[in-house]
């Protein structure tokens, strides 16, 4: 595992919630851990990991996920598939 991938996961689980998570780095980290990601024409990403799925709204401008609700949703998803900084 790359140190960069762990840093991205730590950022997702940081308190207070980070609002500057780079989407491309997050995408690469999730794919490294086995996720399949399908990006739709409506700027949504369907992430499938360990037989569970989540749909995230992607940033329209810039490269960073900044919506706290989306990041919280992602955090809960990662906890449900047991992919946290403590479990890797």
Protein backbone atom coordinates (compact mmCIF):
# COMPACT_ATOMS: atom_id res chain seq x y z
CA UNK A 1 0.00 0.00 0.00
CA UNK A 2 1.16 3.45 -0.87
CA UNK A 3 1.56 6.01 1.89
CA UNK A 4 -0.43 8.40 -0.31
CA UNK A 5 -3.46 6.10 -0.22
CA UNK A 6 -3.41 5.93 3.56
CA UNK A 7 -3.12 9.73 3.79
CA UNK A 8 -6.27 10.12 1.66
CA UNK A 9 -8.19 7.72 3.94
CA UNK A 10 -6.95 9.56 7.03
CA UNK A 11 -8.18 12.82 5.51
CA UNK A 12 -11.67 11.34 5.01
CA UNK A 13 -11.81 10.29 8.66
CA UNK A 14 -10.29 13.52 10.02
CA UNK A 15 -12.10 15.66 12.59
CA UNK A 16 -13.24 18.26 11.76
CA UNK A 17 -14.40 17.05 8.36
CA UNK A 18 -11.91 17.91 5.63
CA UNK A 19 -13.42 19.82 2.73
CA UNK A 20 -10.50 19.65 0.35
CA UNK A 21 -10.24 16.00 -0.70
CA UNK A 22 -8.83 15.72 -4.20
CA UNK A 23 -11.18 13.55 -6.25
CA UNK A 24 -8.52 12.05 -8.54
CA UNK A 25 -6.34 11.01 -5.59
CA UNK A 26 -9.37 9.54 -3.83
CA UNK A 27 -10.36 7.68 -6.99
CA UNK A 28 -6.88 6.15 -7.32
CA UNK A 29 -6.84 5.15 -3.65
CA UNK A 30 -10.26 3.49 -3.84
CA UNK A 31 -9.28 1.63 -7.01
CA UNK A 32 -6.09 0.49 -5.27
CA UNK A 33 -8.25 -1.10 -2.56
CA UNK A 34 -10.38 -2.89 -5.16
CA UNK A 35 -13.20 -0.47 -5.89
CA UNK A 36 -14.87 -0.28 -9.27
CA UNK A 37 -15.79 3.29 -10.15
CA UNK A 38 -18.18 4.30 -12.91
CA UNK A 39 -18.54 8.02 -13.64
CA UNK A 40 -21.81 9.03 -15.28
CA UNK A 41 -22.52 11.86 -17.66
CA UNK A 42 -24.40 13.62 -14.84
CA UNK A 43 -21.14 14.01 -12.88
CA UNK A 44 -21.85 11.27 -10.38
CA UNK A 45 -19.53 8.45 -9.41
CA UNK A 46 -20.89 5.01 -8.56
CA UNK A 47 -18.38 3.25 -6.33
CA UNK A 48 -18.67 -0.49 -5.80
CA UNK A 49 -16.46 -2.00 -3.13
CA UNK A 50 -16.82 -5.36 -1.40
CA UNK A 51 -20.31 -5.91 -2.84
CA UNK A 52 -21.61 -2.58 -1.54
CA UNK A 53 -22.27 0.56 -3.51
CA UNK A 54 -22.39 4.31 -3.02
CA UNK A 55 -23.13 7.17 -5.42
CA UNK A 56 -21.17 10.40 -4.91
CA UNK A 57 -21.72 13.77 -6.48
CA UNK A 58 -18.49 14.97 -8.04
CA UNK A 59 -17.17 18.53 -7.97
CA UNK A 60 -18.42 20.67 -10.84
CA UNK A 61 -15.60 23.18 -10.61
CA UNK A 62 -12.14 22.34 -9.43
CA UNK A 63 -10.88 18.97 -8.35
CA UNK A 64 -11.86 18.70 -4.70
CA UNK A 65 -14.79 17.17 -2.87
CA UNK A 66 -15.95 19.97 -0.60
CA UNK A 67 -19.48 18.94 0.40
CA UNK A 68 -19.42 17.82 4.03
CA UNK A 69 -22.53 15.67 3.55
CA UNK A 70 -20.89 13.76 0.68
CA UNK A 71 -17.71 13.25 2.70
CA UNK A 72 -19.72 12.04 5.71
CA UNK A 73 -21.64 9.66 3.43
CA UNK A 74 -18.32 8.36 2.06
CA UNK A 75 -16.94 7.95 5.59
CA UNK A 76 -19.94 5.83 6.63
CA UNK A 77 -19.65 3.76 3.45
CA UNK A 78 -15.96 3.07 4.08
CA UNK A 79 -16.72 2.09 7.67
CA UNK A 80 -19.40 -0.35 6.45
CA UNK A 81 -16.90 -2.08 4.12
CA UNK A 82 -14.25 -2.00 6.87
CA UNK A 83 -11.82 0.24 5.01
CA UNK A 84 -10.55 2.70 7.59
CA UNK A 85 -7.05 3.96 8.42
CA UNK A 86 -7.02 1.53 11.36
CA UNK A 87 -7.93 -1.53 9.26
CA UNK A 88 -5.38 -1.16 6.50
